[in-house]
Amino acid sequence: MSQDVTPSSDEVTLNRCQDPSPIPVVTTIASVQAHQSLYISARDCLYAVNAIDGTTRWCQQATLTREHLIREQLLKEASEHSLMSYPPPPRATFAIPQVVHGAVYVCVDGIGAHMCAFSADNGELRWHTPTDGRVVAMPFLDYAVPLVKDGVVYSGTYALNEQDGTLLWRTAIDTYEEGALSLHGFIDDMLYATTQKGIYAINAQTGQIRWLYQPDGQSMISGPPVVADRLLYAGTGGSVGHAEKDGFFALDGETGAEIWRYPNPMGRYIGAVVHDESIYISSGDRSLYALDTKSSRLRWQYQFASLGLSPATIADDVLYINSNGPYALSCEDGIVLWHQPLGNASNVSFHQPVVLDGTVYLVRINERGRGVLYALDARIGAEYWHTPYPSAIAVALAQ
């Protein structure tokens, strides 16, 4: 691709990718509309990918402008002290993207974090602004995913203007003390987010903190809360030696009061999805639980053979979930409709699958930390195509 140097801050520069794009292995093309794209973050690269066959439409790469100065200084010091060792310079990393209103909003993290807005159709940079959104090292957790609503882009403690990235406000949460602020959803004008301290309800117009829910000292929020029907569903994981503190519960979105708590042992909470009057919970005991959203009554449970369970995705009353390859289960009773191993059983993924026009897209990450993007027929699990990437990856669709 041709180089298209974009404006840069003093920490990060965004250019068109120079290296060859990953090459998909195509069995047959997927049955989606020709204009549909997937947006892939792969360490320091952000790809727009044709949903039909996995070919790259555009790619942006992030580099740190201070990297060479750091490297040169370290090399100079090492040459003066022959026994001195040093870590490699930091590297820019793209977080999971969010695609809204024809733009790709994504955090790039390195020396400092920046929220970037790219045009979804051609990859042109619209703006980028320093924030405190952070990308964590593990591929199955990402605190930097932005939220977009009513002309505002929320990134960490920052609220930015969707059109030009200018700062509207910051909420008064000390992310140095509590860890990164991870954003999860809205009820009316209330934004819900988490830190290591607990769950915050924040006024989305002003940044004022409305309430804070804190688990007891022997547990912590262990997965992303889910917002639906004016309730906030969340789960905890117990500390070492306190597995009994694992749990799942529902909070009133207005007050933060606990509405119900699932009474039985479940394992560390991983993620959940709501559909009709059921919530489907991925748990650390390798199980997918279907609970009644109003009463917490157990409707059914399915236990998988392997660890590495992802949150589920729902389309047309079917649950799609990753655990030693993707599964399709009936929402009604948990019956397995199909399972596709996708090769080596040691491969894992913690990313939620995405579904578009009858095609399931999912990421597998092997023991070397490299990602493969698969496109499968949602009806039977047959492979359309797959693309190997040189690093762990995450995928998003246009909304």
Protein backbone atom coordinates (compact mmCIF):
# COMPACT_ATOMS: atom_id res chain seq x y z
CA MET A 1 0.00 0.00 0.00
CA SER A 2 1.16 3.56 -0.66
CA GLN A 3 2.41 5.59 2.25
CA ASP A 4 -0.05 8.21 3.48
CA VAL A 5 1.58 10.02 6.37
CA THR A 6 -1.04 11.49 8.66
CA PRO A 7 -0.66 14.25 11.22
CA SER A 8 1.10 13.02 14.35
CA SER A 9 1.38 13.99 17.99
CA ASP A 10 4.71 13.97 19.81
CA GLU A 11 4.26 10.27 20.66
CA VAL A 12 2.57 8.38 17.81
CA THR A 13 2.58 8.54 14.02
CA LEU A 14 -0.06 6.86 11.83
CA ASN A 15 0.92 5.74 8.32
CA ARG A 16 -0.41 3.43 5.66
CA CYS A 17 1.01 -0.08 6.15
CA GLN A 18 4.09 -0.87 4.08
CA ASP A 19 4.38 -4.63 4.68
CA PRO A 20 2.38 -7.06 2.51
CA SER A 21 -1.13 -7.77 3.77
CA PRO A 22 -1.99 -11.20 5.22
CA ILE A 23 -3.15 -13.61 2.52
CA PRO A 24 -6.46 -15.41 3.08
CA VAL A 25 -6.92 -19.11 2.32
CA VAL A 26 -10.27 -19.25 0.51
CA THR A 27 -12.40 -22.38 0.18
CA THR A 28 -15.39 -20.38 -1.06
CA ILE A 29 -16.58 -16.82 -0.65
CA ALA A 30 -18.93 -15.93 2.19
CA SER A 31 -22.56 -15.11 1.43
CA VAL A 32 -22.51 -11.50 2.63
CA GLN A 33 -23.06 -8.20 0.84
CA ALA A 34 -20.16 -6.95 -1.26
CA HIS A 35 -19.68 -3.69 0.68
CA GLN A 36 -19.43 -5.32 4.14
CA SER A 37 -16.12 -4.99 5.97
CA LEU A 38 -14.53 -6.38 9.12
CA TYR A 39 -12.13 -4.22 11.12
CA ILE A 40 -9.16 -6.06 12.60
CA SER A 41 -6.69 -4.85 15.21
CA ALA A 42 -3.40 -6.77 15.04
CA ARG A 43 -0.87 -5.28 17.44
CA ASP A 44 0.42 -2.13 15.67
CA CYS A 45 -1.79 -2.54 12.56
CA LEU A 46 -5.47 -1.81 11.93
CA TYR A 47 -7.02 -3.57 8.94
CA ALA A 48 -10.27 -3.15 7.02
CA VAL A 49 -11.03 -6.57 5.55
CA ASN A 50 -13.50 -7.64 2.87
CA ALA A 51 -16.09 -9.80 4.67
CA ILE A 52 -16.59 -11.91 1.53
CA ASP A 53 -13.07 -13.32 1.13
CA GLY A 54 -10.80 -11.87 3.83
CA THR A 55 -8.71 -9.65 1.53
CA THR A 56 -7.40 -6.37 2.94
CA ARG A 57 -9.12 -3.15 1.82
CA TRP A 58 -6.87 -0.77 3.74
CA CYS A 59 -4.39 -0.85 6.61
CA GLN A 60 -3.07 1.76 9.03
CA GLN A 61 0.06 1.26 11.11
CA ALA A 62 0.98 3.05 14.34
CA THR A 63 4.59 3.82 15.28
CA LEU A 64 6.08 5.63 18.24
CA THR A 65 8.01 8.73 17.32
CA ARG A 66 10.20 8.44 20.43
CA GLU A 67 11.13 4.81 19.80
CA HIS A 68 14.40 5.47 17.95
CA LEU A 69 15.54 7.97 20.57
CA ILE A 70 14.89 5.43 23.30
CA ARG A 71 16.69 2.68 21.39
CA GLU A 72 19.69 4.89 20.64
CA GLN A 73 19.98 5.96 24.27
CA LEU A 74 19.77 2.37 25.50
CA LEU A 75 22.36 1.21 22.95
CA LYS A 76 24.68 4.03 24.03
CA GLU A 77 24.32 3.06 27.69
CA ALA A 78 24.80 -0.63 26.86
CA SER A 79 27.98 0.10 24.94
CA GLU A 80 29.36 1.89 27.98
CA HIS A 81 28.34 -0.91 30.35
CA SER A 82 29.00 -4.25 28.69
CA LEU A 83 27.12 -6.27 31.35
CA MET A 84 23.99 -4.12 31.14
CA SER A 85 20.83 -5.62 29.65
CA TYR A 86 17.68 -3.69 28.71
CA PRO A 87 14.15 -4.38 27.50
CA PRO A 88 13.11 -3.62 23.93
CA PRO A 89 11.55 -0.20 23.31
CA PRO A 90 7.78 0.08 23.72
CA ARG A 91 5.58 -0.62 20.73
CA ALA A 92 2.28 0.90 19.67
CA THR A 93 -0.73 -1.41 19.96
CA PHE A 94 -4.25 -1.01 18.60
CA ALA A 95 -7.15 -1.96 20.88
CA ILE A 96 -10.42 -3.57 19.80
CA PRO A 97 -12.11 -1.11 17.40
CA GLN A 98 -15.63 0.25 17.54
CA VAL A 99 -17.33 1.05 14.22
CA VAL A 100 -20.16 3.62 14.29
CA HIS A 101 -21.58 6.17 11.83
CA GLY A 102 -19.06 5.37 9.10
CA ALA A 103 -16.03 5.79 11.35
CA VAL A 104 -13.66 3.37 13.08
CA TYR A 105 -12.92 4.52 16.63
CA VAL A 106 -9.92 2.80 18.16
CA CYS A 107 -7.39 3.41 20.89
CA VAL A 108 -3.69 3.09 20.11
CA ASP A 109 -1.48 2.59 23.14
CA GLY A 110 2.27 2.80 23.51
CA ILE A 111 4.11 5.40 25.55
CA GLY A 112 0.73 7.07 25.94
CA ALA A 113 -2.76 6.30 24.69
CA HIS A 114 -4.61 8.06 21.85
CA MET A 115 -8.18 7.72 20.62
CA CYS A 116 -8.23 7.72 16.81
CA ALA A 117 -11.08 8.14 14.34
CA PHE A 118 -10.60 6.71 10.85
CA SER A 119 -12.97 6.81 7.89
CA ALA A 120 -14.40 3.29 7.65
CA ASP A 121 -14.44 3.22 3.84
CA ASN A 122 -10.89 4.37 3.02
CA GLY A 123 -8.92 4.50 6.28
CA GLU A 124 -8.26 8.25 6.24
CA LEU A 125 -7.49 9.66 9.67
CA ARG A 126 -10.17 12.11 10.83
CA TRP A 127 -8.64 12.99 14.20
CA HIS A 128 -6.76 11.59 17.17
CA THR A 129 -6.64 12.80 20.77
CA PRO A 130 -4.60 11.72 23.82
CA THR A 131 -6.70 9.84 26.41
CA ASP A 132 -6.11 7.38 29.23
CA GLY A 133 -7.63 4.32 27.53
CA ARG A 134 -5.21 1.44 28.03
CA VAL A 135 -4.58 -1.75 26.08
CA VAL A 136 -3.71 -4.67 28.33
CA ALA A 137 -1.25 -7.37 27.36
CA MET A 138 -3.69 -10.31 27.49
CA PRO A 139 -5.64 -10.82 24.26
CA PHE A 140 -8.91 -11.65 26.00
CA LEU A 141 -9.19 -8.42 28.04
CA ASP A 142 -9.15 -4.92 26.60
CA TYR A 143 -9.92 -1.87 28.73
CA ALA A 144 -9.60 0.55 25.80
CA VAL A 145 -12.75 -0.21 23.75
CA PRO A 146 -14.59 3.11 23.26
CA LEU A 147 -18.32 3.75 23.35
CA VAL A 148 -20.10 6.17 21.01
CA LYS A 149 -23.48 7.78 21.68
CA ASP A 150 -25.27 11.03 20.79
CA GLY A 151 -22.24 12.63 19.16
CA VAL A 152 -19.84 11.75 21.96
CA VAL A 153 -16.93 9.27 21.96
CA TYR A 154 -16.15 7.89 25.42
CA SER A 155 -12.59 6.65 25.96
CA GLY A 156 -11.36 5.88 29.47
CA THR A 157 -12.22 8.88 31.65
CA TYR A 158 -12.52 11.17 28.60
CA ALA A 159 -15.62 12.29 26.69
CA LEU A 160 -14.71 13.58 23.21
CA ASN A 161 -16.63 15.32 20.44
CA GLU A 162 -17.41 12.73 17.75
CA GLN A 163 -16.70 15.19 14.92
CA ASP A 164 -13.26 16.48 15.83
CA GLY A 165 -12.07 14.70 19.00
CA THR A 166 -12.05 17.80 21.19
CA LEU A 167 -12.40 17.23 24.93
CA LEU A 168 -15.89 17.73 26.40
CA TRP A 169 -15.19 16.55 29.96
CA ARG A 170 -13.30 14.05 32.13
CA THR A 171 -14.72 12.08 35.02
CA ALA A 172 -12.96 12.30 38.38
CA ILE A 173 -11.63 8.74 38.67
CA ASP A 174 -7.98 8.17 39.55
CA THR A 175 -6.94 5.49 37.05
CA TYR A 176 -3.39 5.43 38.45
CA GLU A 177 -4.76 4.21 41.77
CA GLU A 178 -7.70 2.11 40.53
CA GLY A 179 -6.47 0.90 37.14
CA ALA A 180 -7.91 1.67 33.70
CA LEU A 181 -11.57 2.63 33.32
CA SER A 182 -13.34 0.07 31.10
CA LEU A 183 -16.63 1.18 29.46
CA HIS A 184 -19.60 -1.16 29.05
CA GLY A 185 -22.93 0.47 28.16
CA PHE A 186 -25.71 2.98 28.79
CA ILE A 187 -29.15 3.26 30.31
CA ASP A 188 -30.62 6.59 29.18
CA ASP A 189 -28.04 9.22 30.24
CA MET A 190 -26.10 6.88 32.52
CA LEU A 191 -22.77 5.38 31.48
CA TYR A 192 -21.55 2.21 33.22
CA ALA A 193 -17.86 1.43 33.61
CA THR A 194 -15.48 -0.57 35.80
CA THR A 195 -12.06 -0.28 37.40
CA GLN A 196 -10.34 -2.64 39.80
CA LYS A 197 -12.33 -0.88 42.51
CA GLY A 198 -15.79 -1.81 41.21
CA ILE A 199 -18.66 -0.69 38.95
CA TYR A 200 -19.31 3.02 38.36
CA ALA A 201 -22.50 4.72 37.17
CA ILE A 202 -21.51 8.00 35.51
CA ASN A 203 -23.66 10.81 34.12
CA ALA A 204 -22.95 10.63 30.38
CA GLN A 205 -23.60 14.38 29.94
CA THR A 206 -21.37 15.73 32.69
CA GLY A 207 -19.06 12.96 33.92
CA GLN A 208 -20.45 13.18 37.45
CA ILE A 209 -20.27 9.89 39.37
CA ARG A 210 -23.76 8.74 40.41
CA TRP A 211 -22.84 5.61 42.36
CA LEU A 212 -20.14 3.00 42.88
CA TYR A 213 -20.74 -0.71 43.51
CA GLN A 214 -17.86 -2.46 45.25
CA PRO A 215 -17.59 -6.23 45.80
CA ASP A 216 -16.18 -7.44 49.09
CA GLY A 217 -12.44 -7.46 49.71
CA GLN A 218 -11.99 -11.11 48.69
CA SER A 219 -13.40 -10.76 45.15
CA MET A 220 -13.31 -8.43 42.16
CA ILE A 221 -15.32 -7.77 39.00
CA SER A 222 -13.97 -10.46 36.68
CA GLY A 223 -15.63 -9.83 33.33
CA PRO A 224 -17.51 -7.14 31.39
CA PRO A 225 -20.90 -6.16 32.88
CA VAL A 226 -23.88 -6.30 30.51
CA VAL A 227 -26.63 -3.66 30.37
CA ALA A 228 -30.19 -4.64 29.37
CA ASP A 229 -33.77 -3.73 30.38
CA ARG A 230 -32.57 -1.14 32.93
CA LEU A 231 -30.55 -3.77 34.78
CA LEU A 232 -26.81 -4.23 35.02
CA TYR A 233 -25.61 -7.84 35.04
CA ALA A 234 -22.14 -8.49 36.42
CA GLY A 235 -19.95 -11.19 37.94
CA THR A 236 -17.02 -11.61 40.27
CA GLY A 237 -14.04 -13.86 40.70
CA GLY A 238 -12.74 -14.81 44.12
CA SER A 239 -9.17 -14.17 45.22
CA VAL A 240 -6.66 -16.98 45.77
CA GLY A 241 -8.13 -19.38 48.31
CA HIS A 242 -11.58 -17.83 48.08
CA ALA A 243 -13.19 -19.56 45.08
CA GLU A 244 -16.53 -19.38 46.91
CA LYS A 245 -16.54 -15.63 46.15
CA ASP A 246 -17.09 -16.33 42.43
CA GLY A 247 -20.59 -15.21 41.57
CA PHE A 248 -23.11 -13.55 39.26
CA PHE A 249 -25.75 -10.93 40.08
CA ALA A 250 -28.08 -8.23 38.75
CA LEU A 251 -28.05 -4.58 39.87
CA ASP A 252 -30.67 -1.87 39.51
CA GLY A 253 -29.28 0.51 36.89
CA GLU A 254 -30.65 3.59 38.64
CA THR A 255 -29.48 2.94 42.19
CA GLY A 256 -26.87 0.18 42.06
CA ALA A 257 -28.90 -1.93 44.50
CA GLU A 258 -28.59 -5.70 44.11
CA ILE A 259 -31.78 -7.21 42.62
CA TRP A 260 -30.78 -10.87 42.68
CA ARG A 261 -27.74 -13.12 42.97
CA TYR A 262 -27.40 -16.58 41.47
CA PRO A 263 -27.24 -18.81 44.56
CA ASN A 264 -25.20 -21.74 43.25
CA PRO A 265 -21.44 -22.05 42.54
CA MET A 266 -20.68 -21.00 38.98
CA GLY A 267 -16.97 -20.29 38.63
CA ARG A 268 -15.28 -17.03 37.68
CA TYR A 269 -17.48 -14.85 35.47
CA ILE A 270 -16.17 -14.39 31.89
CA GLY A 271 -18.94 -12.61 29.99
CA ALA A 272 -22.65 -12.71 29.13
CA VAL A 273 -25.25 -11.83 26.52
CA VAL A 274 -28.98 -11.11 26.98
CA HIS A 275 -31.71 -12.33 24.62
CA ASP A 276 -35.47 -12.05 25.26
CA GLU A 277 -35.86 -12.97 28.95
CA SER A 278 -32.69 -15.03 29.31
CA ILE A 279 -29.08 -14.16 30.02
CA TYR A 280 -26.38 -16.56 28.81
CA ILE A 281 -23.30 -16.56 31.04
CA SER A 282 -19.84 -17.89 30.17
CA SER A 283 -18.15 -19.16 33.32
CA GLY A 284 -14.75 -20.32 34.49
CA ASP A 285 -16.09 -23.80 35.23
CA ARG A 286 -16.23 -24.33 31.42
CA SER A 287 -20.02 -23.90 31.38
CA LEU A 288 -22.57 -21.77 29.59
CA TYR A 289 -25.52 -20.98 31.88
CA ALA A 290 -28.96 -19.79 30.76
CA LEU A 291 -30.69 -17.86 33.56
CA ASP A 292 -34.05 -16.09 33.73
CA THR A 293 -33.28 -12.35 33.73
CA LYS A 294 -36.00 -11.53 36.28
CA SER A 295 -35.55 -14.31 38.83
CA SER A 296 -32.10 -15.88 38.20
CA ARG A 297 -33.78 -19.26 37.79
CA LEU A 298 -31.55 -21.73 35.91
CA ARG A 299 -33.09 -22.69 32.57
CA TRP A 300 -30.26 -24.90 31.35
CA GLN A 301 -26.50 -25.44 31.59
CA TYR A 302 -24.02 -26.83 29.07
CA GLN A 303 -20.48 -27.76 30.11
CA PHE A 304 -17.72 -27.78 27.49
CA ALA A 305 -14.79 -30.18 27.47
CA SER A 306 -12.09 -27.49 27.32
CA LEU A 307 -11.15 -24.27 29.06
CA GLY A 308 -10.82 -21.01 27.16
CA LEU A 309 -14.50 -20.17 26.93
CA SER A 310 -15.49 -16.91 25.20
CA PRO A 311 -18.60 -14.80 25.76
CA ALA A 312 -21.40 -15.94 23.44
CA THR A 313 -22.99 -14.12 20.50
CA ILE A 314 -26.65 -14.55 19.52
CA ALA A 315 -28.18 -14.48 16.04
CA ASP A 316 -31.55 -15.95 14.97
CA ASP A 317 -32.04 -17.73 18.32
CA VAL A 318 -28.67 -19.49 18.06
CA LEU A 319 -25.74 -19.01 20.44
CA TYR A 320 -22.25 -18.98 18.96
CA ILE A 321 -19.36 -19.49 21.34
CA ASN A 322 -15.66 -20.39 21.23
CA SER A 323 -14.23 -23.29 23.26
CA ASN A 324 -11.77 -25.55 21.45
CA GLY A 325 -13.35 -24.33 18.25
CA PRO A 326 -16.73 -22.69 17.71
CA TYR A 327 -20.03 -24.17 18.85
CA ALA A 328 -23.59 -23.33 17.80
CA LEU A 329 -26.20 -24.04 20.51
CA SER A 330 -29.95 -23.60 20.61
CA CYS A 331 -31.01 -20.67 22.80
CA GLU A 332 -34.11 -22.60 23.87
CA ASP A 333 -32.50 -25.67 25.43
CA GLY A 334 -28.71 -25.57 24.94
CA ILE A 335 -28.67 -28.42 22.42
CA VAL A 336 -25.47 -28.38 20.31
CA LEU A 337 -26.34 -27.74 16.66
CA TRP A 338 -22.77 -28.04 15.40
CA HIS A 339 -19.14 -27.88 16.53
CA GLN A 340 -16.10 -27.11 14.37
CA PRO A 341 -12.73 -28.03 15.99
CA LEU A 342 -10.65 -25.90 13.56
CA GLY A 343 -7.46 -27.87 13.87
CA ASN A 344 -5.10 -28.09 16.84
CA ALA A 345 -6.99 -28.57 20.11
CA SER A 346 -4.40 -26.48 21.97
CA ASN A 347 -5.54 -23.37 20.13
CA VAL A 348 -7.70 -21.04 22.21
CA SER A 349 -9.66 -17.82 21.84
CA PHE A 350 -11.27 -15.51 24.34
CA HIS A 351 -12.85 -13.18 21.79
CA GLN A 352 -16.60 -13.09 21.23
CA PRO A 353 -17.61 -14.30 17.74
CA VAL A 354 -19.44 -11.86 15.45
CA VAL A 355 -22.24 -12.80 13.03
CA LEU A 356 -23.13 -11.07 9.77
CA ASP A 357 -25.68 -12.20 7.16
CA GLY A 358 -25.46 -15.87 8.09
CA THR A 359 -21.66 -15.91 8.44
CA VAL A 360 -19.80 -16.38 11.75
CA TYR A 361 -16.44 -14.62 12.09
CA LEU A 362 -14.17 -15.66 14.92
CA VAL A 363 -10.59 -15.45 16.06
CA ARG A 364 -8.36 -18.30 17.15
CA ILE A 365 -5.07 -17.61 18.92
CA ASN A 366 -2.47 -20.35 18.96
CA GLU A 367 0.19 -21.18 21.53
CA ARG A 368 2.60 -18.77 19.82
CA GLY A 369 0.23 -15.83 20.27
CA ARG A 370 -0.66 -15.57 16.58
CA GLY A 371 -4.23 -15.07 15.43
CA VAL A 372 -6.26 -16.64 12.64
CA LEU A 373 -9.53 -15.10 11.46
CA TYR A 374 -12.14 -17.64 10.29
CA ALA A 375 -15.34 -17.15 8.31
CA LEU A 376 -17.84 -20.02 8.76
CA ASP A 377 -21.32 -20.85 7.52
CA ALA A 378 -23.58 -20.08 10.50
CA ARG A 379 -25.97 -22.91 9.61
CA ILE A 380 -23.53 -25.83 9.63
CA GLY A 381 -20.07 -24.51 10.61
CA ALA A 382 -18.43 -25.18 7.24
CA GLU A 383 -15.42 -22.96 6.54
CA TYR A 384 -15.59 -20.25 3.88
CA TRP A 385 -12.07 -18.89 4.38
CA HIS A 386 -9.41 -18.17 6.98
CA THR A 387 -6.57 -15.66 7.23
CA PRO A 388 -3.46 -16.08 9.42
CA TYR A 389 -2.02 -12.94 11.03
CA PRO A 390 1.46 -12.52 12.56
CA SER A 391 0.07 -11.50 15.97
CA ALA A 392 -3.00 -11.81 18.18
CA ILE A 393 -6.02 -10.10 16.64
CA ALA A 394 -9.50 -8.84 17.49
CA VAL A 395 -12.40 -8.15 15.13
CA ALA A 396 -15.32 -5.70 14.95
CA LEU A 397 -18.17 -5.07 12.50
CA ALA A 398 -19.85 -1.88 11.32
CA GLN A 399 -22.94 -0.95 13.35
